[in-house]
Amino acid sequence: MAHADNKFTAVLYSLEGVGLIFVITFLAAYLGGLPTTNVLQNRLAFRIPLGAFGIILLVVVLATVVLAARYKRQ
């Protein structure tokens, strides 16, 4: 069971890390245009990382849900 806990902990840390990168990128795009009303999410430099980290975040969240349901049964 200790081995499974280590895997689950690694997945949770991955989830936190990817989520943190996504939020930092999103905030940089959203707040980077201040003091004007420009939002930089439309620019390619922000759109590509947001899309990539968004997809990775979704995959890791789904993996976490599956692992949590699997370990709950045991």
PDB file of N, CA and C in Angstrom:
ATOM      1  N   MET A   1       0.816  -1.199   0.000  1.00  0.00           N
ATOM      2  CA  MET A   1       0.000   0.000   0.000  1.00  0.00           C
ATOM      3  C   MET A   1       0.859   1.262   0.000  1.00  0.00           C
ATOM      4  N   ALA A   2       2.070   1.181   0.552  1.00  0.00           N
ATOM      5  CA  ALA A   2       2.946   2.344   0.600  1.00  0.00           C
ATOM      6  C   ALA A   2       3.347   2.775  -0.811  1.00  0.00           C
ATOM      7  N   HIS A   3       3.529   1.794  -1.700  1.00  0.00           N
ATOM      8  CA  HIS A   3       3.896   2.106  -3.079  1.00  0.00           C
ATOM      9  C   HIS A   3       2.764   2.872  -3.768  1.00  0.00           C
ATOM     10  N   ALA A   4       1.535   2.482  -3.517  1.00  0.00           N
ATOM     11  CA  ALA A   4       0.382   3.160  -4.107  1.00  0.00           C
ATOM     12  C   ALA A   4       0.254   4.578  -3.563  1.00  0.00           C
ATOM     13  N   ASP A   5       0.551   4.764  -2.286  1.00  0.00           N
ATOM     14  CA  ASP A   5       0.500   6.101  -1.702  1.00  0.00           C
ATOM     15  C   ASP A   5       1.534   7.017  -2.333  1.00  0.00           C
ATOM     16  N   ASN A   6       2.720   6.480  -2.626  1.00  0.00           N
ATOM     17  CA  ASN A   6       3.752   7.281  -3.273  1.00  0.00           C
ATOM     18  C   ASN A   6       3.334   7.706  -4.677  1.00  0.00           C
ATOM     19  N   LYS A   7       2.683   6.816  -5.422  1.00  0.00           N
ATOM     20  CA  LYS A   7       2.208   7.149  -6.758  1.00  0.00           C
ATOM     21  C   LYS A   7       1.125   8.221  -6.687  1.00  0.00           C
ATOM     22  N   PHE A   8       0.217   8.056  -5.749  1.00  0.00           N
ATOM     23  CA  PHE A   8      -0.871   9.015  -5.610  1.00  0.00           C
ATOM     24  C   PHE A   8      -0.326  10.379  -5.189  1.00  0.00           C
ATOM     25  N   THR A   9       0.667  10.391  -4.304  1.00  0.00           N
ATOM     26  CA  THR A   9       1.297  11.640  -3.886  1.00  0.00           C
ATOM     27  C   THR A   9       1.988  12.310  -5.066  1.00  0.00           C
ATOM     28  N   ALA A  10       2.646  11.539  -5.911  1.00  0.00           N
ATOM     29  CA  ALA A  10       3.304  12.096  -7.098  1.00  0.00           C
ATOM     30  C   ALA A  10       2.284  12.705  -8.048  1.00  0.00           C
ATOM     31  N   VAL A  11       1.152  12.046  -8.212  1.00  0.00           N
ATOM     32  CA  VAL A  11       0.102  12.580  -9.086  1.00  0.00           C
ATOM     33  C   VAL A  11      -0.451  13.876  -8.511  1.00  0.00           C
ATOM     34  N   LEU A  12      -0.644  13.926  -7.205  1.00  0.00           N
ATOM     35  CA  LEU A  12      -1.156  15.149  -6.583  1.00  0.00           C
ATOM     36  C   LEU A  12      -0.168  16.305  -6.710  1.00  0.00           C
ATOM     37  N   TYR A  13       1.123  16.031  -6.536  1.00  0.00           N
ATOM     38  CA  TYR A  13       2.126  17.077  -6.721  1.00  0.00           C
ATOM     39  C   TYR A  13       2.164  17.539  -8.181  1.00  0.00           C
ATOM     40  N   SER A  14       1.999  16.618  -9.106  1.00  0.00           N
ATOM     41  CA  SER A  14       1.948  16.984 -10.520  1.00  0.00           C
ATOM     42  C   SER A  14       0.746  17.877 -10.796  1.00  0.00           C
ATOM     43  N   LEU A  15      -0.380  17.518 -10.207  1.00  0.00           N
ATOM     44  CA  LEU A  15      -1.594  18.313 -10.363  1.00  0.00           C
ATOM     45  C   LEU A  15      -1.385  19.729  -9.838  1.00  0.00           C
ATOM     46  N   GLU A  16      -0.790  19.847  -8.677  1.00  0.00           N
ATOM     47  CA  GLU A  16      -0.531  21.167  -8.103  1.00  0.00           C
ATOM     48  C   GLU A  16       0.449  21.966  -8.960  1.00  0.00           C
ATOM     49  N   GLY A  17       1.497  21.316  -9.437  1.00  0.00           N
ATOM     50  CA  GLY A  17       2.496  22.009 -10.243  1.00  0.00           C
ATOM     51  C   GLY A  17       1.942  22.523 -11.559  1.00  0.00           C
ATOM     52  N   VAL A  18       1.215  21.672 -12.264  1.00  0.00           N
ATOM     53  CA  VAL A  18       0.636  22.081 -13.549  1.00  0.00           C
ATOM     54  C   VAL A  18      -0.417  23.155 -13.326  1.00  0.00           C
ATOM     55  N   GLY A  19      -1.206  23.007 -12.280  1.00  0.00           N
ATOM     56  CA  GLY A  19      -2.205  24.022 -11.961  1.00  0.00           C
ATOM     57  C   GLY A  19      -1.571  25.364 -11.646  1.00  0.00           C
ATOM     58  N   LEU A  20      -0.472  25.343 -10.920  1.00  0.00           N
ATOM     59  CA  LEU A  20       0.239  26.567 -10.582  1.00  0.00           C
ATOM     60  C   LEU A  20       0.783  27.251 -11.831  1.00  0.00           C
ATOM     61  N   ILE A  21       1.385  26.487 -12.726  1.00  0.00           N
ATOM     62  CA  ILE A  21       1.910  27.055 -13.970  1.00  0.00           C
ATOM     63  C   ILE A  21       0.778  27.641 -14.815  1.00  0.00           C
ATOM     64  N   PHE A  22      -0.353  26.934 -14.882  1.00  0.00           N
ATOM     65  CA  PHE A  22      -1.492  27.417 -15.654  1.00  0.00           C
ATOM     66  C   PHE A  22      -2.012  28.733 -15.087  1.00  0.00           C
ATOM     67  N   VAL A  23      -2.171  28.798 -13.776  1.00  0.00           N
ATOM     68  CA  VAL A  23      -2.695  30.011 -13.138  1.00  0.00           C
ATOM     69  C   VAL A  23      -1.727  31.180 -13.303  1.00  0.00           C
ATOM     70  N   ILE A  24      -0.433  30.939 -13.153  1.00  0.00           N
ATOM     71  CA  ILE A  24       0.554  32.009 -13.329  1.00  0.00           C
ATOM     72  C   ILE A  24       0.524  32.529 -14.765  1.00  0.00           C
ATOM     73  N   THR A  25       0.447  31.639 -15.742  1.00  0.00           N
ATOM     74  CA  THR A  25       0.387  32.053 -17.144  1.00  0.00           C
ATOM     75  C   THR A  25      -0.896  32.828 -17.427  1.00  0.00           C
ATOM     76  N   PHE A  26      -2.007  32.348 -16.880  1.00  0.00           N
ATOM     77  CA  PHE A  26      -3.290  33.022 -17.071  1.00  0.00           C
ATOM     78  C   PHE A  26      -3.272  34.416 -16.458  1.00  0.00           C
ATOM     79  N   LEU A  27      -2.749  34.522 -15.243  1.00  0.00           N
ATOM     80  CA  LEU A  27      -2.688  35.825 -14.592  1.00  0.00           C
ATOM     81  C   LEU A  27      -1.743  36.772 -15.319  1.00  0.00           C
ATOM     82  N   ALA A  28      -0.634  36.256 -15.834  1.00  0.00           N
ATOM     83  CA  ALA A  28       0.287  37.099 -16.591  1.00  0.00           C
ATOM     84  C   ALA A  28      -0.389  37.644 -17.851  1.00  0.00           C
ATOM     85  N   ALA A  29      -1.170  36.805 -18.516  1.00  0.00           N
ATOM     86  CA  ALA A  29      -1.880  37.246 -19.717  1.00  0.00           C
ATOM     87  C   ALA A  29      -2.991  38.228 -19.372  1.00  0.00           C
ATOM     88  N   TYR A  30      -3.658  37.994 -18.269  1.00  0.00           N
ATOM     89  CA  TYR A  30      -4.798  38.827 -17.894  1.00  0.00           C
ATOM     90  C   TYR A  30      -4.344  40.165 -17.314  1.00  0.00           C
ATOM     91  N   LEU A  31      -3.324  40.132 -16.476  1.00  0.00           N
ATOM     92  CA  LEU A  31      -2.875  41.349 -15.808  1.00  0.00           C
ATOM     93  C   LEU A  31      -1.761  42.062 -16.561  1.00  0.00           C
ATOM     94  N   GLY A  32      -1.199  41.442 -17.579  1.00  0.00           N
ATOM     95  CA  GLY A  32      -0.098  42.033 -18.326  1.00  0.00           C
ATOM     96  C   GLY A  32      -0.481  43.279 -19.098  1.00  0.00           C
ATOM     97  N   GLY A  33      -1.738  43.442 -19.418  1.00  0.00           N
ATOM     98  CA  GLY A  33      -2.189  44.607 -20.169  1.00  0.00           C
ATOM     99  C   GLY A  33      -2.541  45.807 -19.322  1.00  0.00           C
ATOM    100  N   LEU A  34      -2.446  45.662 -18.019  1.00  0.00           N
ATOM    101  CA  LEU A  34      -2.802  46.781 -17.144  1.00  0.00           C
ATOM    102  C   LEU A  34      -1.831  47.923 -17.353  1.00  0.00           C
ATOM    103  N   PRO A  35      -2.167  49.124 -17.256  1.00  0.00           N
ATOM    104  CA  PRO A  35      -3.389  49.749 -16.758  1.00  0.00           C
ATOM    105  C   PRO A  35      -4.462  49.943 -17.827  1.00  0.00           C
ATOM    106  N   THR A  36      -4.259  49.425 -19.025  1.00  0.00           N
ATOM    107  CA  THR A  36      -5.289  49.537 -20.060  1.00  0.00           C
ATOM    108  C   THR A  36      -6.281  48.388 -19.901  1.00  0.00           C
ATOM    109  N   THR A  37      -7.206  48.306 -20.823  1.00  0.00           N
ATOM    110  CA  THR A  37      -8.189  47.218 -20.787  1.00  0.00           C
ATOM    111  C   THR A  37      -7.781  46.059 -21.695  1.00  0.00           C
ATOM    112  N   ASN A  38      -6.548  46.075 -22.195  1.00  0.00           N
ATOM    113  CA  ASN A  38      -6.064  44.994 -23.063  1.00  0.00           C
ATOM    114  C   ASN A  38      -5.870  43.710 -22.271  1.00  0.00           C
ATOM    115  N   VAL A  39      -6.344  42.624 -22.832  1.00  0.00           N
ATOM    116  CA  VAL A  39      -6.115  41.293 -22.271  1.00  0.00           C
ATOM    117  C   VAL A  39      -5.257  40.542 -23.281  1.00  0.00           C
ATOM    118  N   LEU A  40      -4.157  39.996 -22.824  1.00  0.00           N
ATOM    119  CA  LEU A  40      -3.171  39.416 -23.732  1.00  0.00           C
ATOM    120  C   LEU A  40      -3.389  37.931 -24.016  1.00  0.00           C
ATOM    121  N   GLN A  41      -4.502  37.381 -23.608  1.00  0.00           N
ATOM    122  CA  GLN A  41      -4.762  35.952 -23.824  1.00  0.00           C
ATOM    123  C   GLN A  41      -4.881  35.609 -25.299  1.00  0.00           C
ATOM    124  N   ASN A  42      -5.159  36.587 -26.106  1.00  0.00           N
ATOM    125  CA  ASN A  42      -5.339  36.372 -27.534  1.00  0.00           C
ATOM    126  C   ASN A  42      -4.014  36.253 -28.279  1.00  0.00           C
ATOM    127  N   ARG A  43      -2.947  36.683 -27.667  1.00  0.00           N
ATOM    128  CA  ARG A  43      -1.636  36.639 -28.320  1.00  0.00           C
ATOM    129  C   ARG A  43      -1.083  35.223 -28.304  1.00  0.00           C
ATOM    130  N   LEU A  44      -0.371  34.900 -29.344  1.00  0.00           N
ATOM    131  CA  LEU A  44       0.152  33.545 -29.516  1.00  0.00           C
ATOM    132  C   LEU A  44       1.089  33.136 -28.384  1.00  0.00           C
ATOM    133  N   ALA A  45       1.838  34.088 -27.844  1.00  0.00           N
ATOM    134  CA  ALA A  45       2.778  33.781 -26.764  1.00  0.00           C
ATOM    135  C   ALA A  45       2.072  33.293 -25.502  1.00  0.00           C
ATOM    136  N   PHE A  46       0.826  33.667 -25.324  1.00  0.00           N
ATOM    137  CA  PHE A  46       0.060  33.209 -24.167  1.00  0.00           C
ATOM    138  C   PHE A  46      -0.928  32.106 -24.535  1.00  0.00           C
ATOM    139  N   ARG A  47      -1.454  32.163 -25.753  1.00  0.00           N
ATOM    140  CA  ARG A  47      -2.468  31.195 -26.154  1.00  0.00           C
ATOM    141  C   ARG A  47      -1.929  29.775 -26.218  1.00  0.00           C
ATOM    142  N   ILE A  48      -0.713  29.594 -26.748  1.00  0.00           N
ATOM    143  CA  ILE A  48      -0.136  28.252 -26.860  1.00  0.00           C
ATOM    144  C   ILE A  48       0.152  27.648 -25.483  1.00  0.00           C
ATOM    145  N   PRO A  49       0.857  28.354 -24.573  1.00  0.00           N
ATOM    146  CA  PRO A  49       1.076  27.762 -23.242  1.00  0.00           C
ATOM    147  C   PRO A  49      -0.220  27.523 -22.471  1.00  0.00           C
ATOM    148  N   LEU A  50      -1.179  28.437 -22.591  1.00  0.00           N
ATOM    149  CA  LEU A  50      -2.452  28.226 -21.891  1.00  0.00           C
ATOM    150  C   LEU A  50      -3.167  26.987 -22.415  1.00  0.00           C
ATOM    151  N   GLY A  51      -3.156  26.797 -23.718  1.00  0.00           N
ATOM    152  CA  GLY A  51      -3.781  25.606 -24.293  1.00  0.00           C
ATOM    153  C   GLY A  51      -3.065  24.329 -23.882  1.00  0.00           C
ATOM    154  N   ALA A  52      -1.741  24.350 -23.944  1.00  0.00           N
ATOM    155  CA  ALA A  52      -0.964  23.155 -23.597  1.00  0.00           C
ATOM    156  C   ALA A  52      -1.119  22.804 -22.123  1.00  0.00           C
ATOM    157  N   PHE A  53      -0.922  23.787 -21.251  1.00  0.00           N
ATOM    158  CA  PHE A  53      -1.043  23.499 -19.823  1.00  0.00           C
ATOM    159  C   PHE A  53      -2.491  23.229 -19.417  1.00  0.00           C
ATOM    160  N   GLY A  54      -3.444  23.798 -20.133  1.00  0.00           N
ATOM    161  CA  GLY A  54      -4.850  23.491 -19.869  1.00  0.00           C
ATOM    162  C   GLY A  54      -5.176  22.037 -20.172  1.00  0.00           C
ATOM    163  N   ILE A  55      -4.665  21.530 -21.287  1.00  0.00           N
ATOM    164  CA  ILE A  55      -4.894  20.129 -21.645  1.00  0.00           C
ATOM    165  C   ILE A  55      -4.185  19.203 -20.656  1.00  0.00           C
ATOM    166  N   ILE A  56      -2.937  19.535 -20.319  1.00  0.00           N
ATOM    167  CA  ILE A  56      -2.198  18.718 -19.349  1.00  0.00           C
ATOM    168  C   ILE A  56      -2.910  18.726 -18.006  1.00  0.00           C
ATOM    169  N   LEU A  57      -3.399  19.893 -17.590  1.00  0.00           N
ATOM    170  CA  LEU A  57      -4.119  19.992 -16.324  1.00  0.00           C
ATOM    171  C   LEU A  57      -5.382  19.139 -16.336  1.00  0.00           C
ATOM    172  N   LEU A  58      -6.109  19.161 -17.432  1.00  0.00           N
ATOM    173  CA  LEU A  58      -7.311  18.344 -17.547  1.00  0.00           C
ATOM    174  C   LEU A  58      -6.984  16.856 -17.455  1.00  0.00           C
ATOM    175  N   VAL A  59      -5.923  16.429 -18.130  1.00  0.00           N
ATOM    176  CA  VAL A  59      -5.523  15.016 -18.091  1.00  0.00           C
ATOM    177  C   VAL A  59      -5.119  14.602 -16.677  1.00  0.00           C
ATOM    178  N   VAL A  60      -4.350  15.442 -16.002  1.00  0.00           N
ATOM    179  CA  VAL A  60      -3.902  15.102 -14.647  1.00  0.00           C
ATOM    180  C   VAL A  60      -5.081  15.103 -13.671  1.00  0.00           C
ATOM    181  N   VAL A  61      -6.032  16.017 -13.842  1.00  0.00           N
ATOM    182  CA  VAL A  61      -7.219  16.019 -12.983  1.00  0.00           C
ATOM    183  C   VAL A  61      -8.021  14.737 -13.185  1.00  0.00           C
ATOM    184  N   LEU A  62      -8.215  14.350 -14.425  1.00  0.00           N
ATOM    185  CA  LEU A  62      -8.962  13.112 -14.686  1.00  0.00           C
ATOM    186  C   LEU A  62      -8.219  11.899 -14.134  1.00  0.00           C
ATOM    187  N   ALA A  63      -6.894  11.871 -14.259  1.00  0.00           N
ATOM    188  CA  ALA A  63      -6.114  10.770 -13.694  1.00  0.00           C
ATOM    189  C   ALA A  63      -6.240  10.739 -12.178  1.00  0.00           C
ATOM    190  N   THR A  64      -6.256  11.895 -11.558  1.00  0.00           N
ATOM    191  CA  THR A  64      -6.417  11.961 -10.106  1.00  0.00           C
ATOM    192  C   THR A  64      -7.772  11.445  -9.664  1.00  0.00           C
ATOM    193  N   VAL A  65      -8.809  11.800 -10.395  1.00  0.00           N
ATOM    194  CA  VAL A  65     -10.153  11.313 -10.071  1.00  0.00           C
ATOM    195  C   VAL A  65     -10.226   9.798 -10.212  1.00  0.00           C
ATOM    196  N   VAL A  66      -9.653   9.269 -11.279  1.00  0.00           N
ATOM    197  CA  VAL A  66      -9.657   7.815 -11.498  1.00  0.00           C
ATOM    198  C   VAL A  66      -8.878   7.115 -10.393  1.00  0.00           C
ATOM    199  N   LEU A  67      -7.701   7.626 -10.057  1.00  0.00           N
ATOM    200  CA  LEU A  67      -6.899   7.007  -8.994  1.00  0.00           C
ATOM    201  C   LEU A  67      -7.601   7.090  -7.644  1.00  0.00           C
ATOM    202  N   ALA A  68      -8.243   8.207  -7.367  1.00  0.00           N
ATOM    203  CA  ALA A  68      -8.951   8.343  -6.092  1.00  0.00           C
ATOM    204  C   ALA A  68     -10.100   7.347  -5.996  1.00  0.00           C
ATOM    205  N   ALA A  69     -10.844   7.180  -7.085  1.00  0.00           N
ATOM    206  CA  ALA A  69     -11.938   6.216  -7.087  1.00  0.00           C
ATOM    207  C   ALA A  69     -11.415   4.792  -6.955  1.00  0.00           C
ATOM    208  N   ARG A  70     -10.286   4.535  -7.576  1.00  0.00           N
ATOM    209  CA  ARG A  70      -9.687   3.186  -7.522  1.00  0.00           C
ATOM    210  C   ARG A  70      -9.206   2.853  -6.116  1.00  0.00           C
ATOM    211  N   TYR A  71      -8.549   3.820  -5.462  1.00  0.00           N
ATOM    212  CA  TYR A  71      -8.032   3.563  -4.120  1.00  0.00           C
ATOM    213  C   TYR A  71      -9.124   3.574  -3.062  1.00  0.00           C
ATOM    214  N   LYS A  72     -10.239   4.230  -3.362  1.00  0.00           N
ATOM    215  CA  LYS A  72     -11.347   4.244  -2.414  1.00  0.00           C
ATOM    216  C   LYS A  72     -11.967   2.854  -2.289  1.00  0.00           C
ATOM    217  N   ARG A  73     -11.953   2.129  -3.387  1.00  0.00           N
ATOM    218  CA  ARG A  73     -12.512   0.769  -3.390  1.00  0.00           C
ATOM    219  C   ARG A  73     -11.665  -0.198  -2.568  1.00  0.00           C
ATOM    220  N   GLN A  74     -10.361   0.069  -2.501  1.00  0.00           N
ATOM    221  CA  GLN A  74      -9.456  -0.862  -1.813  1.00  0.00           C
ATOM    222  C   GLN A  74      -9.456  -0.670  -0.328  1.00  0.00           C
TER     223      GLN A  74
END
